[in-house]
Amino acid sequence: MFIIAGLGNPGKNYENTRHNAGFSVIECLADQYNIGVTEKKFKALIGKGVIEGQKVVLVKPQTFMNLSGESLREVVDYFKIDETEELIVISDDISLEPGQIRIRKKGSAGGHNGLKNIIQQLGTDQFQRIKVGVGEKPSRMDLADYVLGHFSAADQEKMDEGVADAVKALLVMMSEGADTAMNQFNRKKEA
């Protein structure tokens, strides 16, 4: 079984913002495999289903980004999974170009408050993740304003591709492992 958690902020005013890249991937995956992510449980919206023969629980924490770990702690405890093998977290990343993805098997939060809270709540940084690039913030702009802002039309196009790539990467991670997925997807896209 896999717990696949996309990070974001709940509410209409946060839809399609840079910080909600994780939610976008979950929504795309849910649409593709006809899984309703509507059950309110564990401070999250969850949906259970089967993807390519694997049981999955899709999770969209509703705690707001900075407290995402509270929700995931409850999910991990309830389903008694091994977070190093069966948890995959999807988040935005400002150090990657819009639509670029990067897969990691473990690591620091890299300044991302959602990941920081998950590491704190789980007591480990040993969980798989997919980072979806949203682009670097302009030098004079506040980080919070940037990540809560919307994409330009051109960047939205790149993001749609990035979300589709993240879904493909998830399928490889579940069937062939993170190393194979990293080899396939951790390269810079040509401009």
N, C-alpha and C. Protein backbone atom coordinates (compact mmCIF):
# COMPACT_ATOMS: atom_id res chain seq x y z
N MET A 1 0.84 -1.19 0.00
CA MET A 1 0.00 0.00 0.00
C MET A 1 0.88 1.25 0.00
N PHE A 2 0.42 2.28 -0.71
CA PHE A 2 1.13 3.55 -0.72
C PHE A 2 0.21 4.66 -0.22
N ILE A 3 0.78 5.52 0.61
CA ILE A 3 0.12 6.77 0.99
C ILE A 3 0.77 7.83 0.11
N ILE A 4 -0.02 8.49 -0.72
CA ILE A 4 0.50 9.55 -1.60
C ILE A 4 -0.13 10.85 -1.14
N ALA A 5 0.69 11.75 -0.62
CA ALA A 5 0.21 13.00 -0.05
C ALA A 5 0.71 14.18 -0.87
N GLY A 6 -0.22 15.00 -1.32
CA GLY A 6 0.13 16.23 -2.02
C GLY A 6 -0.08 17.39 -1.07
N LEU A 7 0.91 18.27 -1.00
CA LEU A 7 0.81 19.40 -0.06
C LEU A 7 0.20 20.62 -0.73
N GLY A 8 -0.52 21.38 0.08
CA GLY A 8 -1.15 22.61 -0.40
C GLY A 8 -1.92 23.26 0.72
N ASN A 9 -2.67 24.28 0.39
CA ASN A 9 -3.53 24.97 1.34
C ASN A 9 -4.99 24.78 0.92
N PRO A 10 -5.88 24.54 1.89
CA PRO A 10 -7.28 24.35 1.55
C PRO A 10 -7.96 25.69 1.23
N GLY A 11 -9.04 25.63 0.46
CA GLY A 11 -9.83 26.82 0.21
C GLY A 11 -9.71 27.32 -1.22
N LYS A 12 -10.80 27.88 -1.69
CA LYS A 12 -10.89 28.38 -3.08
C LYS A 12 -9.80 29.40 -3.42
N ASN A 13 -9.51 30.31 -2.46
CA ASN A 13 -8.54 31.37 -2.77
C ASN A 13 -7.11 30.86 -2.95
N TYR A 14 -6.84 29.60 -2.59
CA TYR A 14 -5.50 29.03 -2.79
C TYR A 14 -5.41 28.10 -4.00
N GLU A 15 -6.54 27.84 -4.64
CA GLU A 15 -6.53 26.92 -5.79
C GLU A 15 -5.58 27.43 -6.87
N ASN A 16 -4.81 26.51 -7.43
CA ASN A 16 -3.88 26.80 -8.54
C ASN A 16 -2.79 27.81 -8.19
N THR A 17 -2.47 27.96 -6.91
CA THR A 17 -1.33 28.79 -6.54
C THR A 17 -0.07 27.92 -6.60
N ARG A 18 1.07 28.56 -6.57
CA ARG A 18 2.34 27.82 -6.63
C ARG A 18 2.46 26.82 -5.48
N HIS A 19 2.03 27.24 -4.29
CA HIS A 19 2.15 26.38 -3.11
C HIS A 19 1.26 25.14 -3.20
N ASN A 20 0.28 25.14 -4.10
CA ASN A 20 -0.65 24.02 -4.19
C ASN A 20 -0.28 23.03 -5.30
N ALA A 21 0.97 23.04 -5.72
CA ALA A 21 1.41 22.09 -6.75
C ALA A 21 1.16 20.65 -6.33
N GLY A 22 1.35 20.34 -5.05
CA GLY A 22 1.10 18.98 -4.56
C GLY A 22 -0.35 18.57 -4.70
N PHE A 23 -1.26 19.49 -4.37
CA PHE A 23 -2.70 19.22 -4.55
C PHE A 23 -3.00 18.95 -6.02
N SER A 24 -2.38 19.73 -6.92
CA SER A 24 -2.63 19.57 -8.36
C SER A 24 -2.26 18.16 -8.84
N VAL A 25 -1.15 17.64 -8.32
CA VAL A 25 -0.72 16.29 -8.71
C VAL A 25 -1.74 15.25 -8.20
N ILE A 26 -2.19 15.41 -6.95
CA ILE A 26 -3.18 14.47 -6.39
C ILE A 26 -4.46 14.52 -7.21
N GLU A 27 -4.90 15.72 -7.58
CA GLU A 27 -6.14 15.87 -8.36
C GLU A 27 -6.01 15.21 -9.72
N CYS A 28 -4.86 15.36 -10.36
CA CYS A 28 -4.61 14.74 -11.66
C CYS A 28 -4.63 13.21 -11.54
N LEU A 29 -3.95 12.70 -10.54
CA LEU A 29 -3.90 11.26 -10.28
C LEU A 29 -5.30 10.71 -9.98
N ALA A 30 -6.05 11.44 -9.15
CA ALA A 30 -7.40 11.03 -8.77
C ALA A 30 -8.32 10.98 -10.00
N ASP A 31 -8.19 11.99 -10.87
CA ASP A 31 -9.01 12.01 -12.11
C ASP A 31 -8.66 10.82 -13.00
N GLN A 32 -7.35 10.60 -13.15
CA GLN A 32 -6.88 9.54 -14.05
C GLN A 32 -7.34 8.15 -13.59
N TYR A 33 -7.41 7.94 -12.28
CA TYR A 33 -7.75 6.61 -11.75
C TYR A 33 -9.11 6.58 -11.06
N ASN A 34 -9.89 7.63 -11.29
CA ASN A 34 -11.27 7.68 -10.81
C ASN A 34 -11.37 7.43 -9.29
N ILE A 35 -10.56 8.15 -8.54
CA ILE A 35 -10.57 8.05 -7.08
C ILE A 35 -11.10 9.37 -6.52
N GLY A 36 -12.19 9.31 -5.79
CA GLY A 36 -12.73 10.52 -5.17
C GLY A 36 -11.96 10.86 -3.91
N VAL A 37 -11.37 12.03 -3.87
CA VAL A 37 -10.61 12.46 -2.69
C VAL A 37 -11.52 13.40 -1.90
N THR A 38 -12.52 12.81 -1.25
CA THR A 38 -13.58 13.61 -0.63
C THR A 38 -13.86 13.24 0.83
N GLU A 39 -13.30 12.11 1.30
CA GLU A 39 -13.57 11.68 2.67
C GLU A 39 -12.78 12.56 3.65
N LYS A 40 -13.46 13.12 4.64
CA LYS A 40 -12.80 13.98 5.63
C LYS A 40 -12.36 13.12 6.81
N LYS A 41 -11.05 12.96 6.94
CA LYS A 41 -10.47 12.12 7.97
C LYS A 41 -9.02 12.52 8.17
N PHE A 42 -8.50 12.40 9.37
CA PHE A 42 -7.07 12.67 9.66
C PHE A 42 -6.69 14.12 9.33
N LYS A 43 -7.59 15.09 9.55
CA LYS A 43 -7.32 16.49 9.21
C LYS A 43 -6.98 16.63 7.73
N ALA A 44 -7.62 15.82 6.90
CA ALA A 44 -7.30 15.79 5.47
C ALA A 44 -8.53 15.39 4.66
N LEU A 45 -8.43 15.56 3.36
CA LEU A 45 -9.35 14.92 2.43
C LEU A 45 -8.60 13.72 1.90
N ILE A 46 -9.22 12.55 1.99
CA ILE A 46 -8.54 11.34 1.51
C ILE A 46 -9.42 10.59 0.51
N GLY A 47 -8.78 9.77 -0.28
CA GLY A 47 -9.47 8.90 -1.21
C GLY A 47 -8.72 7.59 -1.30
N LYS A 48 -9.45 6.48 -1.22
CA LYS A 48 -8.81 5.17 -1.32
C LYS A 48 -9.12 4.58 -2.68
N GLY A 49 -8.13 3.87 -3.23
CA GLY A 49 -8.34 3.26 -4.53
C GLY A 49 -7.21 2.32 -4.87
N VAL A 50 -7.19 1.94 -6.15
CA VAL A 50 -6.16 1.04 -6.67
C VAL A 50 -5.56 1.69 -7.92
N ILE A 51 -4.25 1.76 -7.95
CA ILE A 51 -3.54 2.32 -9.11
C ILE A 51 -2.55 1.26 -9.59
N GLU A 52 -2.76 0.82 -10.83
CA GLU A 52 -1.87 -0.19 -11.43
C GLU A 52 -1.66 -1.38 -10.48
N GLY A 53 -2.75 -1.85 -9.87
CA GLY A 53 -2.69 -3.03 -9.01
C GLY A 53 -2.25 -2.76 -7.57
N GLN A 54 -1.87 -1.53 -7.26
CA GLN A 54 -1.42 -1.18 -5.90
C GLN A 54 -2.53 -0.44 -5.16
N LYS A 55 -2.77 -0.84 -3.91
CA LYS A 55 -3.71 -0.09 -3.07
C LYS A 55 -3.05 1.25 -2.72
N VAL A 56 -3.85 2.33 -2.81
CA VAL A 56 -3.32 3.65 -2.47
C VAL A 56 -4.32 4.42 -1.61
N VAL A 57 -3.79 5.33 -0.83
CA VAL A 57 -4.59 6.33 -0.15
C VAL A 57 -4.03 7.67 -0.59
N LEU A 58 -4.87 8.45 -1.27
CA LEU A 58 -4.47 9.79 -1.70
C LEU A 58 -4.86 10.77 -0.60
N VAL A 59 -3.96 11.68 -0.26
CA VAL A 59 -4.17 12.57 0.89
C VAL A 59 -3.90 14.03 0.49
N LYS A 60 -4.86 14.89 0.83
CA LYS A 60 -4.67 16.34 0.71
C LYS A 60 -4.88 16.93 2.11
N PRO A 61 -3.79 17.14 2.87
CA PRO A 61 -3.95 17.70 4.22
C PRO A 61 -4.72 19.02 4.18
N GLN A 62 -5.60 19.20 5.15
CA GLN A 62 -6.41 20.42 5.21
C GLN A 62 -5.99 21.31 6.38
N THR A 63 -4.76 21.14 6.84
CA THR A 63 -4.25 21.85 8.02
C THR A 63 -3.59 23.17 7.68
N PHE A 64 -3.51 23.51 6.42
CA PHE A 64 -2.65 24.56 5.89
C PHE A 64 -1.22 24.02 5.88
N MET A 65 -0.48 24.51 4.91
CA MET A 65 0.84 23.98 4.58
C MET A 65 1.74 23.75 5.79
N ASN A 66 1.87 24.75 6.65
CA ASN A 66 2.87 24.70 7.71
C ASN A 66 2.59 23.65 8.78
N LEU A 67 1.39 23.04 8.76
CA LEU A 67 1.05 22.00 9.73
C LEU A 67 0.73 20.67 9.04
N SER A 68 1.21 20.49 7.82
CA SER A 68 0.92 19.27 7.04
C SER A 68 1.29 17.99 7.79
N GLY A 69 2.34 18.05 8.59
CA GLY A 69 2.81 16.87 9.33
C GLY A 69 1.79 16.34 10.32
N GLU A 70 0.96 17.22 10.88
CA GLU A 70 -0.06 16.76 11.83
C GLU A 70 -1.00 15.76 11.16
N SER A 71 -1.41 16.09 9.96
CA SER A 71 -2.29 15.21 9.19
C SER A 71 -1.58 13.90 8.82
N LEU A 72 -0.37 14.02 8.29
CA LEU A 72 0.35 12.82 7.82
C LEU A 72 0.73 11.89 8.97
N ARG A 73 1.03 12.45 10.14
CA ARG A 73 1.31 11.62 11.32
C ARG A 73 0.11 10.71 11.59
N GLU A 74 -1.11 11.28 11.56
CA GLU A 74 -2.33 10.50 11.81
C GLU A 74 -2.54 9.43 10.73
N VAL A 75 -2.31 9.78 9.49
CA VAL A 75 -2.48 8.82 8.37
C VAL A 75 -1.50 7.67 8.51
N VAL A 76 -0.23 7.99 8.72
CA VAL A 76 0.83 6.97 8.84
C VAL A 76 0.53 6.03 10.02
N ASP A 77 0.11 6.60 11.16
CA ASP A 77 -0.21 5.79 12.33
C ASP A 77 -1.41 4.88 12.07
N TYR A 78 -2.45 5.42 11.45
CA TYR A 78 -3.68 4.66 11.23
C TYR A 78 -3.44 3.48 10.29
N PHE A 79 -2.74 3.72 9.19
CA PHE A 79 -2.53 2.65 8.20
C PHE A 79 -1.30 1.80 8.50
N LYS A 80 -0.56 2.16 9.56
CA LYS A 80 0.61 1.40 10.00
C LYS A 80 1.57 1.08 8.83
N ILE A 81 1.89 2.12 8.09
CA ILE A 81 2.80 1.92 6.96
C ILE A 81 4.23 2.20 7.37
N ASP A 82 5.16 1.74 6.55
CA ASP A 82 6.58 2.05 6.71
C ASP A 82 6.82 3.32 5.89
N GLU A 83 6.98 4.46 6.59
CA GLU A 83 7.08 5.72 5.84
C GLU A 83 8.28 5.79 4.91
N THR A 84 9.32 4.99 5.16
CA THR A 84 10.49 5.04 4.27
C THR A 84 10.19 4.40 2.91
N GLU A 85 9.25 3.46 2.88
CA GLU A 85 8.95 2.73 1.63
C GLU A 85 7.59 3.06 1.04
N GLU A 86 6.62 3.39 1.91
CA GLU A 86 5.22 3.46 1.44
C GLU A 86 4.60 4.85 1.49
N LEU A 87 5.36 5.86 1.86
CA LEU A 87 4.86 7.23 1.87
C LEU A 87 5.58 8.01 0.77
N ILE A 88 4.80 8.71 -0.06
CA ILE A 88 5.36 9.60 -1.08
C ILE A 88 4.69 10.96 -0.90
N VAL A 89 5.51 11.99 -0.69
CA VAL A 89 5.00 13.34 -0.47
C VAL A 89 5.33 14.20 -1.69
N ILE A 90 4.35 14.96 -2.16
CA ILE A 90 4.55 15.82 -3.32
C ILE A 90 4.42 17.28 -2.87
N SER A 91 5.44 18.07 -3.18
CA SER A 91 5.43 19.48 -2.77
C SER A 91 5.96 20.37 -3.88
N ASP A 92 5.71 21.68 -3.70
CA ASP A 92 6.27 22.67 -4.62
C ASP A 92 7.73 22.92 -4.25
N ASP A 93 8.50 23.45 -5.20
CA ASP A 93 9.91 23.76 -4.93
C ASP A 93 10.31 24.99 -5.73
N ILE A 94 10.73 26.05 -5.02
CA ILE A 94 11.10 27.29 -5.70
C ILE A 94 12.51 27.24 -6.31
N SER A 95 13.28 26.20 -6.00
CA SER A 95 14.64 26.13 -6.57
C SER A 95 14.65 25.40 -7.92
N LEU A 96 13.48 24.95 -8.37
CA LEU A 96 13.38 24.30 -9.68
C LEU A 96 12.54 25.17 -10.61
N GLU A 97 12.88 25.13 -11.89
CA GLU A 97 12.11 25.86 -12.90
C GLU A 97 10.67 25.36 -12.91
N PRO A 98 9.71 26.19 -13.31
CA PRO A 98 8.32 25.73 -13.38
C PRO A 98 8.19 24.46 -14.23
N GLY A 99 7.53 23.45 -13.64
CA GLY A 99 7.28 22.20 -14.37
C GLY A 99 8.39 21.16 -14.26
N GLN A 100 9.57 21.55 -13.76
CA GLN A 100 10.64 20.56 -13.55
C GLN A 100 10.26 19.72 -12.34
N ILE A 101 10.59 18.45 -12.35
CA ILE A 101 10.36 17.65 -11.14
C ILE A 101 11.67 17.04 -10.66
N ARG A 102 11.74 16.78 -9.38
CA ARG A 102 12.91 16.12 -8.80
C ARG A 102 12.42 15.13 -7.76
N ILE A 103 12.92 13.92 -7.86
CA ILE A 103 12.55 12.84 -6.93
C ILE A 103 13.68 12.66 -5.94
N ARG A 104 13.31 12.49 -4.68
CA ARG A 104 14.28 12.23 -3.62
C ARG A 104 13.76 11.09 -2.75
N LYS A 105 14.69 10.29 -2.21
CA LYS A 105 14.29 9.20 -1.30
C LYS A 105 14.31 9.66 0.15
N LYS A 106 14.95 10.79 0.40
CA LYS A 106 15.06 11.32 1.77
C LYS A 106 15.67 12.71 1.66
N GLY A 107 15.79 13.40 2.79
CA GLY A 107 16.50 14.67 2.76
C GLY A 107 15.88 15.71 3.65
N SER A 108 16.56 16.85 3.70
CA SER A 108 16.11 17.95 4.55
C SER A 108 14.87 18.61 3.94
N ALA A 109 14.30 19.53 4.68
CA ALA A 109 13.12 20.26 4.20
C ALA A 109 13.49 21.29 3.15
N GLY A 110 14.76 21.66 3.09
CA GLY A 110 15.19 22.64 2.10
C GLY A 110 14.45 23.97 2.22
N GLY A 111 14.10 24.34 3.44
CA GLY A 111 13.40 25.60 3.66
C GLY A 111 11.89 25.54 3.43
N HIS A 112 11.38 24.39 3.06
CA HIS A 112 9.93 24.24 2.81
C HIS A 112 9.22 23.93 4.13
N ASN A 113 8.34 24.83 4.56
CA ASN A 113 7.71 24.67 5.87
C ASN A 113 6.80 23.45 5.99
N GLY A 114 6.15 23.06 4.90
CA GLY A 114 5.32 21.86 4.93
C GLY A 114 6.17 20.62 5.18
N LEU A 115 7.28 20.50 4.43
CA LEU A 115 8.19 19.36 4.61
C LEU A 115 8.83 19.40 5.99
N LYS A 116 9.17 20.60 6.46
CA LYS A 116 9.78 20.76 7.78
C LYS A 116 8.85 20.20 8.86
N ASN A 117 7.55 20.50 8.75
CA ASN A 117 6.60 20.03 9.75
C ASN A 117 6.39 18.52 9.65
N ILE A 118 6.43 17.98 8.45
CA ILE A 118 6.30 16.52 8.28
C ILE A 118 7.50 15.81 8.93
N ILE A 119 8.70 16.32 8.66
CA ILE A 119 9.91 15.73 9.25
C ILE A 119 9.83 15.79 10.77
N GLN A 120 9.38 16.93 11.29
CA GLN A 120 9.24 17.11 12.74
C GLN A 120 8.21 16.12 13.31
N GLN A 121 7.06 16.00 12.68
CA GLN A 121 5.99 15.14 13.18
C GLN A 121 6.34 13.65 13.06
N LEU A 122 6.96 13.26 11.94
CA LEU A 122 7.31 11.84 11.75
C LEU A 122 8.59 11.47 12.48
N GLY A 123 9.40 12.47 12.82
CA GLY A 123 10.67 12.20 13.50
C GLY A 123 11.71 11.61 12.58
N THR A 124 11.53 11.80 11.26
CA THR A 124 12.50 11.29 10.29
C THR A 124 12.38 12.09 8.99
N ASP A 125 13.50 12.15 8.26
CA ASP A 125 13.45 12.74 6.92
C ASP A 125 13.60 11.63 5.86
N GLN A 126 13.42 10.40 6.30
CA GLN A 126 13.58 9.23 5.43
C GLN A 126 12.23 8.85 4.80
N PHE A 127 11.73 9.71 3.92
CA PHE A 127 10.53 9.37 3.15
C PHE A 127 10.71 9.92 1.74
N GLN A 128 10.07 9.24 0.79
CA GLN A 128 10.20 9.59 -0.62
C GLN A 128 9.39 10.85 -0.92
N ARG A 129 9.89 11.62 -1.87
CA ARG A 129 9.16 12.83 -2.23
C ARG A 129 9.37 13.18 -3.69
N ILE A 130 8.41 13.88 -4.22
CA ILE A 130 8.52 14.46 -5.55
C ILE A 130 8.36 15.96 -5.37
N LYS A 131 9.35 16.69 -5.83
CA LYS A 131 9.30 18.15 -5.76
C LYS A 131 8.92 18.64 -7.16
N VAL A 132 7.94 19.53 -7.21
CA VAL A 132 7.50 20.09 -8.48
C VAL A 132 7.92 21.56 -8.51
N GLY A 133 8.75 21.90 -9.50
CA GLY A 133 9.28 23.25 -9.59
C GLY A 133 8.20 24.28 -9.88
N VAL A 134 8.29 25.42 -9.17
CA VAL A 134 7.36 26.53 -9.41
C VAL A 134 8.13 27.80 -9.78
N GLY A 135 9.44 27.70 -9.88
CA GLY A 135 10.26 28.84 -10.27
C GLY A 135 10.73 29.65 -9.07
N GLU A 136 11.82 30.35 -9.30
CA GLU A 136 12.43 31.16 -8.24
C GLU A 136 11.66 32.46 -8.07
N LYS A 137 11.54 32.90 -6.82
CA LYS A 137 10.81 34.15 -6.57
C LYS A 137 11.64 35.34 -7.02
N PRO A 138 10.97 36.37 -7.55
CA PRO A 138 11.69 37.60 -7.90
C PRO A 138 12.36 38.19 -6.66
N SER A 139 13.52 38.80 -6.83
CA SER A 139 14.34 39.23 -5.68
C SER A 139 13.63 40.18 -4.73
N ARG A 140 12.76 41.03 -5.22
CA ARG A 140 12.13 42.02 -4.34
C ARG A 140 10.79 41.55 -3.77
N MET A 141 10.39 40.34 -4.10
CA MET A 141 9.08 39.87 -3.69
C MET A 141 9.17 39.06 -2.41
N ASP A 142 8.16 39.17 -1.56
CA ASP A 142 8.06 38.38 -0.34
C ASP A 142 7.79 36.92 -0.72
N LEU A 143 8.46 35.99 -0.06
CA LEU A 143 8.31 34.57 -0.39
C LEU A 143 6.86 34.10 -0.25
N ALA A 144 6.20 34.48 0.84
CA ALA A 144 4.80 34.06 1.05
C ALA A 144 3.91 34.57 -0.08
N ASP A 145 4.09 35.83 -0.46
CA ASP A 145 3.28 36.38 -1.57
C ASP A 145 3.55 35.61 -2.85
N TYR A 146 4.81 35.25 -3.06
CA TYR A 146 5.16 34.53 -4.29
C TYR A 146 4.52 33.14 -4.34
N VAL A 147 4.70 32.34 -3.28
CA VAL A 147 4.19 30.97 -3.33
C VAL A 147 2.66 30.92 -3.28
N LEU A 148 2.04 31.99 -2.77
CA LEU A 148 0.58 32.04 -2.74
C LEU A 148 0.01 32.74 -3.97
N GLY A 149 0.90 33.11 -4.91
CA GLY A 149 0.48 33.74 -6.15
C GLY A 149 0.19 32.70 -7.23
N HIS A 150 -0.35 33.19 -8.34
CA HIS A 150 -0.72 32.31 -9.45
C HIS A 150 0.34 32.35 -10.56
N PHE A 151 0.30 31.36 -11.42
CA PHE A 151 1.26 31.25 -12.52
C PHE A 151 0.85 32.15 -13.69
N SER A 152 1.85 32.59 -14.44
CA SER A 152 1.56 33.23 -15.73
C SER A 152 1.02 32.14 -16.65
N ALA A 153 0.44 32.54 -17.76
CA ALA A 153 -0.11 31.56 -18.71
C ALA A 153 1.00 30.62 -19.21
N ALA A 154 2.16 31.18 -19.50
CA ALA A 154 3.28 30.36 -20.01
C ALA A 154 3.75 29.37 -18.94
N ASP A 155 3.88 29.86 -17.70
CA ASP A 155 4.32 28.97 -16.62
C ASP A 155 3.25 27.93 -16.30
N GLN A 156 1.97 28.29 -16.44
CA GLN A 156 0.90 27.32 -16.17
C GLN A 156 0.98 26.16 -17.15
N GLU A 157 1.33 26.46 -18.38
CA GLU A 157 1.50 25.40 -19.39
C GLU A 157 2.62 24.43 -18.97
N LYS A 158 3.74 25.01 -18.51
CA LYS A 158 4.87 24.18 -18.03
C LYS A 158 4.44 23.38 -16.80
N MET A 159 3.64 24.00 -15.94
CA MET A 159 3.18 23.31 -14.72
C MET A 159 2.28 22.13 -15.07
N ASP A 160 1.41 22.31 -16.05
CA ASP A 160 0.54 21.20 -16.47
C ASP A 160 1.38 20.01 -16.91
N GLU A 161 2.46 20.29 -17.65
CA GLU A 161 3.38 19.23 -18.07
C GLU A 161 4.08 18.61 -16.85
N GLY A 162 4.51 19.48 -15.92
CA GLY A 162 5.19 19.01 -14.70
C GLY A 162 4.30 18.12 -13.86
N VAL A 163 3.02 18.50 -13.75
CA VAL A 163 2.06 17.70 -12.98
C VAL A 163 1.89 16.33 -13.66
N ALA A 164 1.77 16.32 -14.98
CA ALA A 164 1.66 15.05 -15.72
C ALA A 164 2.92 14.20 -15.53
N ASP A 165 4.09 14.85 -15.55
CA ASP A 165 5.36 14.13 -15.32
C ASP A 165 5.40 13.56 -13.90
N ALA A 166 4.91 14.31 -12.93
CA ALA A 166 4.91 13.84 -11.53
C ALA A 166 4.02 12.60 -11.40
N VAL A 167 2.90 12.59 -12.10
CA VAL A 167 2.01 11.41 -12.08
C VAL A 167 2.75 10.21 -12.68
N LYS A 168 3.42 10.41 -13.81
CA LYS A 168 4.19 9.32 -14.44
C LYS A 168 5.28 8.83 -13.49
N ALA A 169 5.96 9.77 -12.84
CA ALA A 169 7.04 9.43 -11.91
C ALA A 169 6.50 8.61 -10.73
N LEU A 170 5.33 8.99 -10.24
CA LEU A 170 4.70 8.24 -9.14
C LEU A 170 4.46 6.78 -9.54
N LEU A 171 3.97 6.58 -10.74
CA LEU A 171 3.69 5.22 -11.22
C LEU A 171 4.97 4.39 -11.27
N VAL A 172 6.08 5.02 -11.73
CA VAL A 172 7.37 4.32 -11.78
C VAL A 172 7.85 4.03 -10.36
N MET A 173 7.71 5.01 -9.47
CA MET A 173 8.14 4.81 -8.07
C MET A 173 7.40 3.63 -7.43
N MET A 174 6.11 3.52 -7.70
CA MET A 174 5.32 2.44 -7.09
C MET A 174 5.64 1.08 -7.70
N SER A 175 5.94 1.05 -9.00
CA SER A 175 6.15 -0.25 -9.64
C SER A 175 7.62 -0.68 -9.67
N GLU A 176 8.53 0.28 -9.88
CA GLU A 176 9.94 -0.08 -10.08
C GLU A 176 10.88 0.52 -9.03
N GLY A 177 10.35 1.40 -8.17
CA GLY A 177 11.18 1.98 -7.11
C GLY A 177 11.67 3.38 -7.43
N ALA A 178 12.07 4.07 -6.38
CA ALA A 178 12.49 5.48 -6.50
C ALA A 178 13.76 5.63 -7.33
N ASP A 179 14.71 4.69 -7.22
CA ASP A 179 15.96 4.82 -7.97
C ASP A 179 15.70 4.85 -9.47
N THR A 180 14.84 3.96 -9.95
CA THR A 180 14.50 3.92 -11.38
C THR A 180 13.82 5.23 -11.77
N ALA A 181 12.90 5.70 -10.94
CA ALA A 181 12.20 6.95 -11.24
C ALA A 181 13.17 8.13 -11.26
N MET A 182 14.12 8.14 -10.33
CA MET A 182 15.11 9.22 -10.29
C MET A 182 15.94 9.23 -11.58
N ASN A 183 16.34 8.05 -12.04
CA ASN A 183 17.12 7.96 -13.28
C ASN A 183 16.34 8.47 -14.48
N GLN A 184 15.03 8.23 -14.48
CA GLN A 184 14.20 8.65 -15.62
C GLN A 184 13.81 10.12 -15.58
N PHE A 185 13.53 10.65 -14.38
CA PHE A 185 12.90 11.97 -14.30
C PHE A 185 13.77 13.09 -13.72
N ASN A 186 14.89 12.77 -13.08
CA ASN A 186 15.70 13.82 -12.46
C ASN A 186 16.69 14.44 -13.44
N ARG A 187 16.21 14.84 -14.59
CA ARG A 187 17.09 15.58 -15.49
C ARG A 187 16.39 16.85 -15.93
N LYS A 188 17.20 17.83 -16.20
CA LYS A 188 16.68 19.14 -16.59
C LYS A 188 16.00 19.02 -17.96
N LYS A 189 14.81 19.60 -18.05
CA LYS A 189 14.10 19.62 -19.33
C LYS A 189 14.76 20.64 -20.24
N GLU A 190 14.75 20.33 -21.53
CA GLU A 190 15.28 21.30 -22.49
C GLU A 190 14.28 22.44 -22.64
N ALA A 191 14.80 23.64 -22.72
CA ALA A 191 13.91 24.82 -22.87
C ALA A 191 13.30 24.88 -24.26
